[in-house]
Amino acid sequence: MGWANCGSDSQGRPIGYAHAAICDHPGCDAEIDRGLDYACGDEHGPGDVSCEKYFCWKHRTMVDTGGRSVFICEACANEVKDECDD
């Protein structure tokens, strides 16, 4: 099985690196694809720290999620930071 076409996300959008897309950050028009390289949380679908959206490199940041470093979007990074501050 390849990762070019991985089905659909919860919003009905096709996912996988074969599907061209635009960054999900509001106002950003960067061309990306819906492959794992652009997935919030480095995985398709919901995860421990993922909003199930796809972002360009400018709108993702690396965080440590308890021994595992992942790239997530700015909004999810703010949620992780808020949880750590509590």
Foldseek 3Di string as FASTA:
>chain_A
DDQQWDAAEPVRHTAGQVAWDAAPDPPGGDIGGRHLVFFAFSDAYDDPQGPRGGHDPVQWDWDDDPNDIGIHGPVSVVVVVVVVVD
